[in-house]
C-alpha cells in the first residue's frame, strides 16, 4: 500500500487540499493517507480542519509571535525532516505558493521523496509580485516531479435589498502605503454610497490592521463594517450575498466567479490570467483613484456589472481531486 502525505499550513491551502484528503481517504484499499499541517496560520487553519473533520497525523505547530519568512522556512524545513523520516511517504503533495509548501517540498527533496505540486500552473512571471509567493512557486518547480496546473486550457462555452461590497486584504506586497491607499478608497466609497454596505473581515496580521486604525480612527460610518476573520462557510455565505468583491486574494478570484460576483483585484499582477481573459476579474492595484473609479462603475452601471457577473467562469468542473488521485495511481 502506497503512503500519500499531504502537507499544508494556511487556511487557503487547507480549503483546497481538504477535498483531496477526502478523495484519498476513500481509497483505503490502495492508499494510506497521511496529513501533516505546519500551523503557519494557526487559528484560521484550525477552523478549516474542524469544518472538514480532518485530524492531522502530524502538526508542526510552527506559529510564533512576530515570525518572519526566515523563521517559517527554518521551522518547516527542520520539522519536516523528522516527520518524513518517521512516516516514510511514497510521495508528498503540497499546494500553491506558500512558504509551507516550498519548505516542505525542499525537505522531501533532501530525502529523495517525490513531490507533487497541486495548483502548480499559476504564474505572474514577476518574482516580486506576489512576494514571496511567485518565487516560492518557481523554486518548487525545480524539485517537483509531478505538477497539477489546476485547470485545463479549453474553449470557454456560453453559459438583501441593499448592495454589499465585500472586502478582503492580506498580501505582503501591499503592506504600508498600499493598504493606506486601499483604506482611503474604502472610506471615500462608503461616504459616497450611503445606500451600500461595505463589509471588511479583517485579517489578523497587524500590518493589515494598522492602516485601518490610522485611516478610520474613531470615525463612524453606519454602512461600513469591520469584522473579525470569518470561518469558511460564513465567508462563502457573505460572498454569495455580496454585489461585488474587492480583494487581493488568489482563492477568491476563483471562487467568486462561480457565484456570479465581479472581482476587483487589488494587485498589479495575477497568476490567474484566464480570469482576466474571461472577464470575471479586473486588476485595480492599490491606486486610490482606480479603486474608487472601478467600484463606482460596477455600482452605477448595470450593463458593465452584468458583463462581469455573467461572464463564463473559467474554473473547473468540480472533479479536480478525483483527477489528481487517478494521476497518482498511475505514477506511483
C-alpha atoms as a PDB file:
ATOM      1  CA  UNK A   1       0.000   0.000   0.000  1.00  0.00           C
ATOM      2  CA  UNK A   2       1.381   3.383  -1.016  1.00  0.00           C
ATOM      3  CA  UNK A   3       1.707   6.199   1.516  1.00  0.00           C
ATOM      4  CA  UNK A   4       0.431   9.611   0.429  1.00  0.00           C
ATOM      5  CA  UNK A   5       1.422  12.586   2.580  1.00  0.00           C
ATOM      6  CA  UNK A   6      -0.451  15.870   2.147  1.00  0.00           C
ATOM      7  CA  UNK A   7       1.207  18.912   3.731  1.00  0.00           C
ATOM      8  CA  UNK A   8      -0.375  22.332   4.246  1.00  0.00           C
ATOM      9  CA  UNK A   9      -0.293  25.146   6.773  1.00  0.00           C
ATOM     10  CA  UNK A  10      -2.571  28.041   5.801  1.00  0.00           C
ATOM     11  CA  UNK A  11      -6.331  28.389   5.553  1.00  0.00           C
ATOM     12  CA  UNK A  12      -6.408  28.736   1.734  1.00  0.00           C
ATOM     13  CA  UNK A  13      -4.253  25.621   1.386  1.00  0.00           C
ATOM     14  CA  UNK A  14      -6.487  23.668   3.756  1.00  0.00           C
ATOM     15  CA  UNK A  15      -9.666  24.665   1.915  1.00  0.00           C
ATOM     16  CA  UNK A  16      -8.268  23.420  -1.389  1.00  0.00           C
ATOM     17  CA  UNK A  17      -6.494  20.326  -0.045  1.00  0.00           C
ATOM     18  CA  UNK A  18      -9.435  19.110   2.072  1.00  0.00           C
ATOM     19  CA  UNK A  19     -11.323  17.567  -0.899  1.00  0.00           C
ATOM     20  CA  UNK A  20      -8.105  15.833  -1.944  1.00  0.00           C
ATOM     21  CA  UNK A  21      -7.605  14.433   1.555  1.00  0.00           C
ATOM     22  CA  UNK A  22     -11.150  13.049   1.453  1.00  0.00           C
ATOM     23  CA  UNK A  23     -10.640  11.614  -2.039  1.00  0.00           C
ATOM     24  CA  UNK A  24      -7.546   9.667  -0.953  1.00  0.00           C
ATOM     25  CA  UNK A  25      -9.228   8.529   2.263  1.00  0.00           C
ATOM     26  CA  UNK A  26     -11.966   6.965   0.157  1.00  0.00           C
ATOM     27  CA  UNK A  27      -9.293   4.748  -1.462  1.00  0.00           C
ATOM     28  CA  UNK A  28      -8.257   2.990   1.759  1.00  0.00           C
ATOM     29  CA  UNK A  29      -7.550  -0.245  -0.091  1.00  0.00           C
ATOM     30  CA  UNK A  30      -4.899   1.493  -2.218  1.00  0.00           C
ATOM     31  CA  UNK A  31      -3.513   4.377  -0.171  1.00  0.00           C
ATOM     32  CA  UNK A  32      -2.520   5.198   3.371  1.00  0.00           C
ATOM     33  CA  UNK A  33      -3.357   8.890   3.694  1.00  0.00           C
ATOM     34  CA  UNK A  34      -1.104  10.928   5.982  1.00  0.00           C
ATOM     35  CA  UNK A  35      -1.917  14.555   6.793  1.00  0.00           C
ATOM     36  CA  UNK A  36       0.757  16.913   8.090  1.00  0.00           C
ATOM     37  CA  UNK A  37      -0.008  20.529   8.977  1.00  0.00           C
ATOM     38  CA  UNK A  38       2.537  23.193   9.854  1.00  0.00           C
ATOM     39  CA  UNK A  39       0.243  25.681  11.581  1.00  0.00           C
ATOM     40  CA  UNK A  40       1.567  28.621   9.564  1.00  0.00           C
ATOM     41  CA  UNK A  41      -1.897  30.172  10.054  1.00  0.00           C
ATOM     42  CA  UNK A  42      -2.764  28.536  13.377  1.00  0.00           C
ATOM     43  CA  UNK A  43      -6.212  29.868  14.261  1.00  0.00           C
ATOM     44  CA  UNK A  44      -7.573  30.125  10.723  1.00  0.00           C
ATOM     45  CA  UNK A  45      -6.166  26.711   9.789  1.00  0.00           C
ATOM     46  CA  UNK A  46      -7.851  25.050  12.766  1.00  0.00           C
ATOM     47  CA  UNK A  47     -11.221  26.457  11.679  1.00  0.00           C
ATOM     48  CA  UNK A  48     -10.950  24.657   8.338  1.00  0.00           C
ATOM     49  CA  UNK A  49      -9.707  21.403   9.873  1.00  0.00           C
ATOM     50  CA  UNK A  50     -12.762  21.416  12.136  1.00  0.00           C
ATOM     51  CA  UNK A  51     -15.123  22.239   9.272  1.00  0.00           C
ATOM     52  CA  UNK A  52     -13.926  19.325   7.132  1.00  0.00           C
ATOM     53  CA  UNK A  53     -13.350  16.996  10.107  1.00  0.00           C
ATOM     54  CA  UNK A  54      -9.686  16.457   9.276  1.00  0.00           C
ATOM     55  CA  UNK A  55      -7.425  15.200  12.063  1.00  0.00           C
ATOM     56  CA  UNK A  56      -3.761  15.703  11.184  1.00  0.00           C
ATOM     57  CA  UNK A  57      -1.346  12.865  11.801  1.00  0.00           C
ATOM     58  CA  UNK A  58       1.434  15.395  12.329  1.00  0.00           C
ATOM     59  CA  UNK A  59       1.260  19.026  13.476  1.00  0.00           C
ATOM     60  CA  UNK A  60       4.477  21.069  13.437  1.00  0.00           C
ATOM     61  CA  UNK A  61       2.721  23.956  15.236  1.00  0.00           C
ATOM     62  CA  UNK A  62       5.324  26.432  13.996  1.00  0.00           C
ATOM     63  CA  UNK A  63       3.428  29.690  14.527  1.00  0.00           C
ATOM     64  CA  UNK A  64       5.177  32.162  16.832  1.00  0.00           C
ATOM     65  CA  UNK A  65       4.513  35.813  17.626  1.00  0.00           C
ATOM     66  CA  UNK A  66       6.415  38.076  15.233  1.00  0.00           C
ATOM     67  CA  UNK A  67       7.643  35.265  12.981  1.00  0.00           C
ATOM     68  CA  UNK A  68       9.069  36.195   9.596  1.00  0.00           C
ATOM     69  CA  UNK A  69       9.802  34.268   6.402  1.00  0.00           C
ATOM     70  CA  UNK A  70      13.174  33.076   7.707  1.00  0.00           C
ATOM     71  CA  UNK A  71      11.539  31.668  10.840  1.00  0.00           C
ATOM     72  CA  UNK A  72       8.756  29.913   8.929  1.00  0.00           C
ATOM     73  CA  UNK A  73      11.146  28.378   6.409  1.00  0.00           C
ATOM     74  CA  UNK A  74      13.582  27.155   9.060  1.00  0.00           C
ATOM     75  CA  UNK A  75      10.899  25.674  11.318  1.00  0.00           C
ATOM     76  CA  UNK A  76       9.097  23.880   8.494  1.00  0.00           C
ATOM     77  CA  UNK A  77      12.314  22.537   6.994  1.00  0.00           C
ATOM     78  CA  UNK A  78      13.571  21.296  10.360  1.00  0.00           C
ATOM     79  CA  UNK A  79      10.215  19.927  11.466  1.00  0.00           C
ATOM     80  CA  UNK A  80       9.567  18.080   8.219  1.00  0.00           C
ATOM     81  CA  UNK A  81      12.892  16.253   8.496  1.00  0.00           C
ATOM     82  CA  UNK A  82      11.710  14.179  11.447  1.00  0.00           C
ATOM     83  CA  UNK A  83       8.181  13.742  10.077  1.00  0.00           C
ATOM     84  CA  UNK A  84       9.422  12.394   6.749  1.00  0.00           C
ATOM     85  CA  UNK A  85      11.963  10.101   8.405  1.00  0.00           C
ATOM     86  CA  UNK A  86       9.240   8.597  10.587  1.00  0.00           C
ATOM     87  CA  UNK A  87       6.357   8.410   8.091  1.00  0.00           C
ATOM     88  CA  UNK A  88       8.415   7.428   5.022  1.00  0.00           C
ATOM     89  CA  UNK A  89       5.770   8.500   2.453  1.00  0.00           C
ATOM     90  CA  UNK A  90       5.972   7.395  -1.171  1.00  0.00           C
ATOM     91  CA  UNK A  91       5.012  10.887  -2.334  1.00  0.00           C
ATOM     92  CA  UNK A  92       4.477  14.284  -0.709  1.00  0.00           C
ATOM     93  CA  UNK A  93       1.727  16.553  -2.033  1.00  0.00           C
ATOM     94  CA  UNK A  94       1.957  20.297  -1.422  1.00  0.00           C
ATOM     95  CA  UNK A  95      -0.262  23.127  -2.585  1.00  0.00           C
ATOM     96  CA  UNK A  96       0.187  26.511  -4.151  1.00  0.00           C
ATOM     97  CA  UNK A  97       2.765  29.167  -3.389  1.00  0.00           C
ATOM     98  CA  UNK A  98       3.169  29.363   0.390  1.00  0.00           C
ATOM     99  CA  UNK A  99       6.367  29.167   2.404  1.00  0.00           C
ATOM    100  CA  UNK A 100       4.987  25.982   3.981  1.00  0.00           C
ATOM    101  CA  UNK A 101       4.709  24.252   0.615  1.00  0.00           C
ATOM    102  CA  UNK A 102       8.140  25.413  -0.581  1.00  0.00           C
ATOM    103  CA  UNK A 103       9.985  24.330   2.568  1.00  0.00           C
ATOM    104  CA  UNK A 104       8.069  21.023   2.690  1.00  0.00           C
ATOM    105  CA  UNK A 105       8.919  20.268  -0.931  1.00  0.00           C
ATOM    106  CA  UNK A 106      12.578  21.029  -0.250  1.00  0.00           C
ATOM    107  CA  UNK A 107      12.564  18.775   2.831  1.00  0.00           C
ATOM    108  CA  UNK A 108      11.113  15.929   0.749  1.00  0.00           C
ATOM    109  CA  UNK A 109      13.698  16.517  -1.975  1.00  0.00           C
ATOM    110  CA  UNK A 110      16.511  16.226   0.586  1.00  0.00           C
ATOM    111  CA  UNK A 111      15.205  12.736   1.414  1.00  0.00           C
ATOM    112  CA  UNK A 112      14.690  11.859  -2.271  1.00  0.00           C
ATOM    113  CA  UNK A 113      10.926  11.582  -1.860  1.00  0.00           C
ATOM    114  CA  UNK A 114       8.857  12.504  -4.953  1.00  0.00           C
ATOM    115  CA  UNK A 115       6.848  15.709  -4.665  1.00  0.00           C
ATOM    116  CA  UNK A 116       3.505  16.502  -6.285  1.00  0.00           C
ATOM    117  CA  UNK A 117       2.580  20.184  -6.579  1.00  0.00           C
ATOM    118  CA  UNK A 118      -1.143  20.953  -6.667  1.00  0.00           C
ATOM    119  CA  UNK A 119      -2.012  24.279  -8.356  1.00  0.00           C
ATOM    120  CA  UNK A 120       1.403  24.484  -9.999  1.00  0.00           C
ATOM    121  CA  UNK A 121       0.321  26.397 -13.087  1.00  0.00           C
ATOM    122  CA  UNK A 122      -0.237  29.851 -11.575  1.00  0.00           C
ATOM    123  CA  UNK A 123       2.369  32.447 -12.590  1.00  0.00           C
ATOM    124  CA  UNK A 124       2.757  36.212 -12.763  1.00  0.00           C
ATOM    125  CA  UNK A 125       6.347  35.995 -14.135  1.00  0.00           C
ATOM    126  CA  UNK A 126       7.318  38.786 -11.720  1.00  0.00           C
ATOM    127  CA  UNK A 127       9.274  37.340  -8.784  1.00  0.00           C
ATOM    128  CA  UNK A 128       8.343  40.298  -6.571  1.00  0.00           C
ATOM    129  CA  UNK A 129       4.590  40.147  -7.191  1.00  0.00           C
ATOM    130  CA  UNK A 130       3.181  38.395  -5.311  1.00  0.00           C
ATOM    131  CA  UNK A 131       6.126  38.378  -2.915  1.00  0.00           C
ATOM    132  CA  UNK A 132       7.433  35.911  -1.851  1.00  0.00           C
ATOM    133  CA  UNK A 133       4.830  33.565  -3.361  1.00  0.00           C
ATOM    134  CA  UNK A 134       5.914  33.791  -7.004  1.00  0.00           C
ATOM    135  CA  UNK A 135       9.485  32.788  -6.156  1.00  0.00           C
ATOM    136  CA  UNK A 136       8.117  30.024  -3.919  1.00  0.00           C
ATOM    137  CA  UNK A 137       6.293  28.603  -6.931  1.00  0.00           C
ATOM    138  CA  UNK A 138       9.378  28.777  -9.143  1.00  0.00           C
ATOM    139  CA  UNK A 139      11.547  27.077  -6.516  1.00  0.00           C
ATOM    140  CA  UNK A 140       9.043  24.225  -6.158  1.00  0.00           C
ATOM    141  CA  UNK A 141       9.119  23.732  -9.910  1.00  0.00           C
ATOM    142  CA  UNK A 142      12.798  22.801  -9.609  1.00  0.00           C
ATOM    143  CA  UNK A 143      12.254  19.880  -7.204  1.00  0.00           C
ATOM    144  CA  UNK A 144       8.743  18.733  -8.141  1.00  0.00           C
ATOM    145  CA  UNK A 145       8.285  15.628 -10.242  1.00  0.00           C
ATOM    146  CA  UNK A 146       4.538  15.869 -10.694  1.00  0.00           C
ATOM    147  CA  UNK A 147       2.700  19.145 -11.202  1.00  0.00           C
ATOM    148  CA  UNK A 148      -1.047  19.718 -11.407  1.00  0.00           C
ATOM    149  CA  UNK A 149      -1.838  23.036 -13.030  1.00  0.00           C
ATOM    150  CA  UNK A 150      -5.308  23.124 -11.504  1.00  0.00           C
ATOM    151  CA  UNK A 151      -7.130  23.934 -14.744  1.00  0.00           C
ATOM    152  CA  UNK A 152      -7.193  22.995 -18.383  1.00  0.00           C
ATOM    153  CA  UNK A 153      -6.997  25.450 -21.255  1.00  0.00           C
ATOM    154  CA  UNK A 154     -10.190  24.669 -23.124  1.00  0.00           C
ATOM    155  CA  UNK A 155     -12.549  26.770 -25.237  1.00  0.00           C
ATOM    156  CA  UNK A 156     -14.941  28.670 -22.999  1.00  0.00           C
ATOM    157  CA  UNK A 157     -18.594  27.895 -23.560  1.00  0.00           C
ATOM    158  CA  UNK A 158     -21.587  30.290 -23.121  1.00  0.00           C
ATOM    159  CA  UNK A 159     -23.272  29.988 -20.359  1.00  0.00           C
ATOM    160  CA  UNK A 160     -30.755  41.778   0.605  1.00  0.00           C
ATOM    161  CA  UNK A 161     -32.186  44.558  -0.989  1.00  0.00           C
ATOM    162  CA  UNK A 162     -29.077  46.674  -0.214  1.00  0.00           C
ATOM    163  CA  UNK A 163     -25.991  46.286  -2.286  1.00  0.00           C
ATOM    164  CA  UNK A 164     -22.973  44.910  -0.456  1.00  0.00           C
ATOM    165  CA  UNK A 165     -19.278  45.265  -1.244  1.00  0.00           C
ATOM    166  CA  UNK A 166     -17.149  42.537   0.356  1.00  0.00           C
ATOM    167  CA  UNK A 167     -13.517  43.489   1.009  1.00  0.00           C
ATOM    168  CA  UNK A 168     -10.507  41.343   1.942  1.00  0.00           C
ATOM    169  CA  UNK A 169      -6.793  42.089   2.043  1.00  0.00           C
ATOM    170  CA  UNK A 170      -3.647  40.397   3.309  1.00  0.00           C
ATOM    171  CA  UNK A 171      -0.824  40.490   0.701  1.00  0.00           C
ATOM    172  CA  UNK A 172       2.680  41.350   1.927  1.00  0.00           C
ATOM    173  CA  UNK A 173       3.444  43.466  -1.127  1.00  0.00           C
ATOM    174  CA  UNK A 174       0.540  45.734  -0.124  1.00  0.00           C
ATOM    175  CA  UNK A 175       1.807  46.358   3.428  1.00  0.00           C
ATOM    176  CA  UNK A 176       2.427  50.012   4.188  1.00  0.00           C
ATOM    177  CA  UNK A 177       1.368  52.571   1.592  1.00  0.00           C
ATOM    178  CA  UNK A 178      -0.633  50.016  -0.416  1.00  0.00           C
ATOM    179  CA  UNK A 179      -3.054  49.335   2.430  1.00  0.00           C
ATOM    180  CA  UNK A 180      -3.213  53.019   3.289  1.00  0.00           C
ATOM    181  CA  UNK A 181      -4.417  53.783  -0.259  1.00  0.00           C
ATOM    182  CA  UNK A 182      -6.880  50.890  -0.090  1.00  0.00           C
ATOM    183  CA  UNK A 183      -8.329  52.195   3.187  1.00  0.00           C
ATOM    184  CA  UNK A 184      -8.587  55.738   1.815  1.00  0.00           C
ATOM    185  CA  UNK A 185     -10.527  54.400  -1.178  1.00  0.00           C
ATOM    186  CA  UNK A 186     -12.875  52.370   1.029  1.00  0.00           C
ATOM    187  CA  UNK A 187     -13.572  55.414   3.196  1.00  0.00           C
ATOM    188  CA  UNK A 188     -14.382  57.554   0.155  1.00  0.00           C
ATOM    189  CA  UNK A 189     -16.677  54.903  -1.316  1.00  0.00           C
ATOM    190  CA  UNK A 190     -18.523  54.358   1.968  1.00  0.00           C
ATOM    191  CA  UNK A 191     -19.099  58.110   2.233  1.00  0.00           C
ATOM    192  CA  UNK A 192     -20.282  58.430  -1.382  1.00  0.00           C
ATOM    193  CA  UNK A 193     -22.554  55.369  -1.345  1.00  0.00           C
ATOM    194  CA  UNK A 194     -24.541  55.585   1.880  1.00  0.00           C
ATOM    195  CA  UNK A 195     -27.075  53.103   0.453  1.00  0.00           C
ATOM    196  CA  UNK A 196     -24.390  50.418   0.002  1.00  0.00           C
ATOM    197  CA  UNK A 197     -22.948  48.291   2.818  1.00  0.00           C
ATOM    198  CA  UNK A 198     -19.187  47.734   2.897  1.00  0.00           C
ATOM    199  CA  UNK A 199     -18.039  44.697   4.892  1.00  0.00           C
ATOM    200  CA  UNK A 200     -14.366  44.067   5.642  1.00  0.00           C
ATOM    201  CA  UNK A 201     -13.441  40.876   7.575  1.00  0.00           C
ATOM    202  CA  UNK A 202     -10.034  41.961   8.866  1.00  0.00           C
ATOM    203  CA  UNK A 203      -7.009  39.686   8.634  1.00  0.00           C
ATOM    204  CA  UNK A 204      -5.255  39.007  11.938  1.00  0.00           C
ATOM    205  CA  UNK A 205      -1.905  40.348  10.689  1.00  0.00           C
ATOM    206  CA  UNK A 206      -1.036  43.648  12.477  1.00  0.00           C
ATOM    207  CA  UNK A 207       0.364  45.009   9.193  1.00  0.00           C
ATOM    208  CA  UNK A 208      -3.170  44.819   7.784  1.00  0.00           C
ATOM    209  CA  UNK A 209      -4.925  46.260  10.829  1.00  0.00           C
ATOM    210  CA  UNK A 210      -2.578  49.189  11.466  1.00  0.00           C
ATOM    211  CA  UNK A 211      -3.574  51.284   8.397  1.00  0.00           C
ATOM    212  CA  UNK A 212      -7.253  50.636   9.147  1.00  0.00           C
ATOM    213  CA  UNK A 213      -6.830  52.273  12.549  1.00  0.00           C
ATOM    214  CA  UNK A 214      -4.734  55.072  11.032  1.00  0.00           C
ATOM    215  CA  UNK A 215      -7.268  55.998   8.335  1.00  0.00           C
ATOM    216  CA  UNK A 216     -10.531  55.413  10.173  1.00  0.00           C
ATOM    217  CA  UNK A 217      -9.572  56.063  13.799  1.00  0.00           C
ATOM    218  CA  UNK A 218     -12.797  56.620  15.715  1.00  0.00           C
ATOM    219  CA  UNK A 219     -14.719  57.730  12.627  1.00  0.00           C
ATOM    220  CA  UNK A 220     -18.175  56.200  12.353  1.00  0.00           C
ATOM    221  CA  UNK A 221     -19.766  55.299   9.043  1.00  0.00           C
ATOM    222  CA  UNK A 222     -23.080  53.455   9.511  1.00  0.00           C
ATOM    223  CA  UNK A 223     -22.657  51.458   6.295  1.00  0.00           C
ATOM    224  CA  UNK A 224     -19.048  50.333   6.927  1.00  0.00           C
ATOM    225  CA  UNK A 225     -18.480  47.173   8.973  1.00  0.00           C
ATOM    226  CA  UNK A 226     -15.060  45.980  10.129  1.00  0.00           C
ATOM    227  CA  UNK A 227     -15.499  42.470  11.482  1.00  0.00           C
ATOM    228  CA  UNK A 228     -13.211  39.690  12.674  1.00  0.00           C
ATOM    229  CA  UNK A 229     -11.977  36.882  10.410  1.00  0.00           C
ATOM    230  CA  UNK A 230     -14.797  34.584   9.334  1.00  0.00           C
ATOM    231  CA  UNK A 231     -14.806  30.821   9.194  1.00  0.00           C
ATOM    232  CA  UNK A 232     -15.051  29.441   5.689  1.00  0.00           C
ATOM    233  CA  UNK A 233     -18.779  28.696   5.398  1.00  0.00           C
ATOM    234  CA  UNK A 234     -19.937  32.072   6.805  1.00  0.00           C
ATOM    235  CA  UNK A 235     -17.493  33.786   4.469  1.00  0.00           C
ATOM    236  CA  UNK A 236     -18.845  31.936   1.422  1.00  0.00           C
ATOM    237  CA  UNK A 237     -22.380  32.846   2.522  1.00  0.00           C
ATOM    238  CA  UNK A 238     -21.362  36.510   2.734  1.00  0.00           C
ATOM    239  CA  UNK A 239     -19.684  36.290  -0.669  1.00  0.00           C
ATOM    240  CA  UNK A 240     -22.856  34.810  -2.168  1.00  0.00           C
ATOM    241  CA  UNK A 241     -24.870  37.741  -0.754  1.00  0.00           C
ATOM    242  CA  UNK A 242     -22.412  40.380  -1.970  1.00  0.00           C
ATOM    243  CA  UNK A 243     -22.741  42.569  -5.052  1.00  0.00           C
ATOM    244  CA  UNK A 244     -19.028  42.563  -5.819  1.00  0.00           C
ATOM    245  CA  UNK A 245     -15.749  41.634  -4.173  1.00  0.00           C
ATOM    246  CA  UNK A 246     -12.716  43.862  -3.664  1.00  0.00           C
ATOM    247  CA  UNK A 247      -9.728  41.684  -2.756  1.00  0.00           C
ATOM    248  CA  UNK A 248      -6.069  40.798  -3.116  1.00  0.00           C
ATOM    249  CA  UNK A 249      -6.787  37.097  -2.528  1.00  0.00           C
ATOM    250  CA  UNK A 250      -5.942  34.423  -5.051  1.00  0.00           C
ATOM    251  CA  UNK A 251      -8.569  31.906  -3.988  1.00  0.00           C
ATOM    252  CA  UNK A 252     -11.394  34.428  -4.128  1.00  0.00           C
ATOM    253  CA  UNK A 253     -10.532  35.131  -7.772  1.00  0.00           C
ATOM    254  CA  UNK A 254     -11.527  31.511  -8.391  1.00  0.00           C
ATOM    255  CA  UNK A 255     -14.477  31.196  -6.013  1.00  0.00           C
ATOM    256  CA  UNK A 256     -16.391  34.445  -6.566  1.00  0.00           C
ATOM    257  CA  UNK A 257     -16.922  33.953 -10.338  1.00  0.00           C
ATOM    258  CA  UNK A 258     -18.625  30.659  -9.528  1.00  0.00           C
ATOM    259  CA  UNK A 259     -21.166  32.713  -7.590  1.00  0.00           C
ATOM    260  CA  UNK A 260     -21.520  35.305 -10.348  1.00  0.00           C
ATOM    261  CA  UNK A 261     -19.710  38.041  -8.430  1.00  0.00           C
ATOM    262  CA  UNK A 262     -17.390  40.533 -10.172  1.00  0.00           C
ATOM    263  CA  UNK A 263     -13.944  40.672  -8.580  1.00  0.00           C
ATOM    264  CA  UNK A 264     -11.702  43.737  -8.464  1.00  0.00           C
ATOM    265  CA  UNK A 265      -8.178  42.599  -7.627  1.00  0.00           C
ATOM    266  CA  UNK A 266      -6.074  44.999  -5.570  1.00  0.00           C
ATOM    267  CA  UNK A 267      -2.822  43.865  -7.146  1.00  0.00           C
ATOM    268  CA  UNK A 268      -0.820  44.854 -10.210  1.00  0.00           C
ATOM    269  CA  UNK A 269      -0.411  41.247 -11.363  1.00  0.00           C
ATOM    270  CA  UNK A 270      -2.314  37.986 -11.074  1.00  0.00           C
ATOM    271  CA  UNK A 271      -1.376  34.325 -11.508  1.00  0.00           C
ATOM    272  CA  UNK A 272      -4.830  33.783 -12.985  1.00  0.00           C
ATOM    273  CA  UNK A 273      -4.756  35.361 -16.471  1.00  0.00           C
ATOM    274  CA  UNK A 274      -7.606  33.108 -17.583  1.00  0.00           C
ATOM    275  CA  UNK A 275      -9.875  35.038 -15.200  1.00  0.00           C
ATOM    276  CA  UNK A 276      -8.796  38.312 -16.804  1.00  0.00           C
ATOM    277  CA  UNK A 277      -9.384  36.846 -20.259  1.00  0.00           C
ATOM    278  CA  UNK A 278     -12.824  35.571 -19.249  1.00  0.00           C
ATOM    279  CA  UNK A 279     -13.758  38.965 -17.805  1.00  0.00           C
ATOM    280  CA  UNK A 280     -14.634  37.718 -14.316  1.00  0.00           C
ATOM    281  CA  UNK A 281     -11.901  39.782 -12.633  1.00  0.00           C
ATOM    282  CA  UNK A 282     -10.172  43.105 -13.219  1.00  0.00           C
ATOM    283  CA  UNK A 283      -6.886  44.412 -11.825  1.00  0.00           C
ATOM    284  CA  UNK A 284      -7.116  47.740  -9.988  1.00  0.00           C
ATOM    285  CA  UNK A 285      -3.885  47.632  -7.979  1.00  0.00           C
ATOM    286  CA  UNK A 286      -3.682  49.713  -4.813  1.00  0.00           C
ATOM    287  CA  UNK A 287      -4.209  53.029  -6.575  1.00  0.00           C
ATOM    288  CA  UNK A 288      -6.804  55.118  -4.739  1.00  0.00           C
ATOM    289  CA  UNK A 289      -8.368  56.608  -7.875  1.00  0.00           C
ATOM    290  CA  UNK A 290      -8.574  53.305  -9.774  1.00  0.00           C
ATOM    291  CA  UNK A 291     -10.257  51.537  -6.874  1.00  0.00           C
ATOM    292  CA  UNK A 292     -12.833  54.295  -6.409  1.00  0.00           C
ATOM    293  CA  UNK A 293     -13.494  54.533 -10.163  1.00  0.00           C
ATOM    294  CA  UNK A 294     -13.937  50.798 -10.780  1.00  0.00           C
ATOM    295  CA  UNK A 295     -16.117  50.140  -7.734  1.00  0.00           C
ATOM    296  CA  UNK A 296     -18.268  53.142  -8.670  1.00  0.00           C
ATOM    297  CA  UNK A 297     -18.557  51.879 -12.238  1.00  0.00           C
ATOM    298  CA  UNK A 298     -19.827  48.488 -11.064  1.00  0.00           C
ATOM    299  CA  UNK A 299     -22.286  50.044  -8.612  1.00  0.00           C
ATOM    300  CA  UNK A 300     -23.650  52.613 -11.079  1.00  0.00           C
ATOM    301  CA  UNK A 301     -23.595  50.899 -14.484  1.00  0.00           C
ATOM    302  CA  UNK A 302     -25.809  47.808 -14.769  1.00  0.00           C
ATOM    303  CA  UNK A 303     -24.522  46.935 -18.236  1.00  0.00           C
ATOM    304  CA  UNK A 304     -20.921  46.996 -17.050  1.00  0.00           C
ATOM    305  CA  UNK A 305     -21.841  44.994 -13.950  1.00  0.00           C
ATOM    306  CA  UNK A 306     -23.729  42.341 -15.913  1.00  0.00           C
ATOM    307  CA  UNK A 307     -20.833  41.941 -18.318  1.00  0.00           C
ATOM    308  CA  UNK A 308     -18.592  40.854 -15.440  1.00  0.00           C
ATOM    309  CA  UNK A 309     -21.121  38.986 -13.316  1.00  0.00           C
ATOM    310  CA  UNK A 310     -22.429  36.947 -16.248  1.00  0.00           C
ATOM    311  CA  UNK A 311     -19.033  36.171 -17.793  1.00  0.00           C
ATOM    312  CA  UNK A 312     -18.253  32.480 -18.226  1.00  0.00           C
ATOM    313  CA  UNK A 313     -16.469  31.068 -15.179  1.00  0.00           C
ATOM    314  CA  UNK A 314     -13.139  29.625 -16.403  1.00  0.00           C
ATOM    315  CA  UNK A 315     -12.561  27.424 -13.371  1.00  0.00           C
ATOM    316  CA  UNK A 316     -13.120  23.725 -13.298  1.00  0.00           C
ATOM    317  CA  UNK A 317     -15.868  21.146 -13.317  1.00  0.00           C
ATOM    318  CA  UNK A 318     -15.622  20.112  -9.663  1.00  0.00           C
ATOM    319  CA  UNK A 319     -13.663  16.894 -10.261  1.00  0.00           C
ATOM    320  CA  UNK A 320     -10.071  18.104  -9.780  1.00  0.00           C
ATOM    321  CA  UNK A 321      -9.447  15.925  -6.705  1.00  0.00           C
ATOM    322  CA  UNK A 322     -10.601  12.787  -8.496  1.00  0.00           C
ATOM    323  CA  UNK A 323      -8.317  13.527 -11.451  1.00  0.00           C
ATOM    324  CA  UNK A 324      -5.337  14.074  -9.155  1.00  0.00           C
ATOM    325  CA  UNK A 325      -5.990  10.757  -7.383  1.00  0.00           C
ATOM    326  CA  UNK A 326      -6.196   8.994 -10.747  1.00  0.00           C
ATOM    327  CA  UNK A 327      -2.890  10.554 -11.788  1.00  0.00           C
ATOM    328  CA  UNK A 328      -1.169   9.485  -8.555  1.00  0.00           C
ATOM    329  CA  UNK A 329      -2.479   5.944  -9.055  1.00  0.00           C
ATOM    330  CA  UNK A 330      -0.697   5.831 -12.403  1.00  0.00           C
ATOM    331  CA  UNK A 331       2.662   7.238 -11.344  1.00  0.00           C
ATOM    332  CA  UNK A 332       3.458   5.543  -8.015  1.00  0.00           C
END
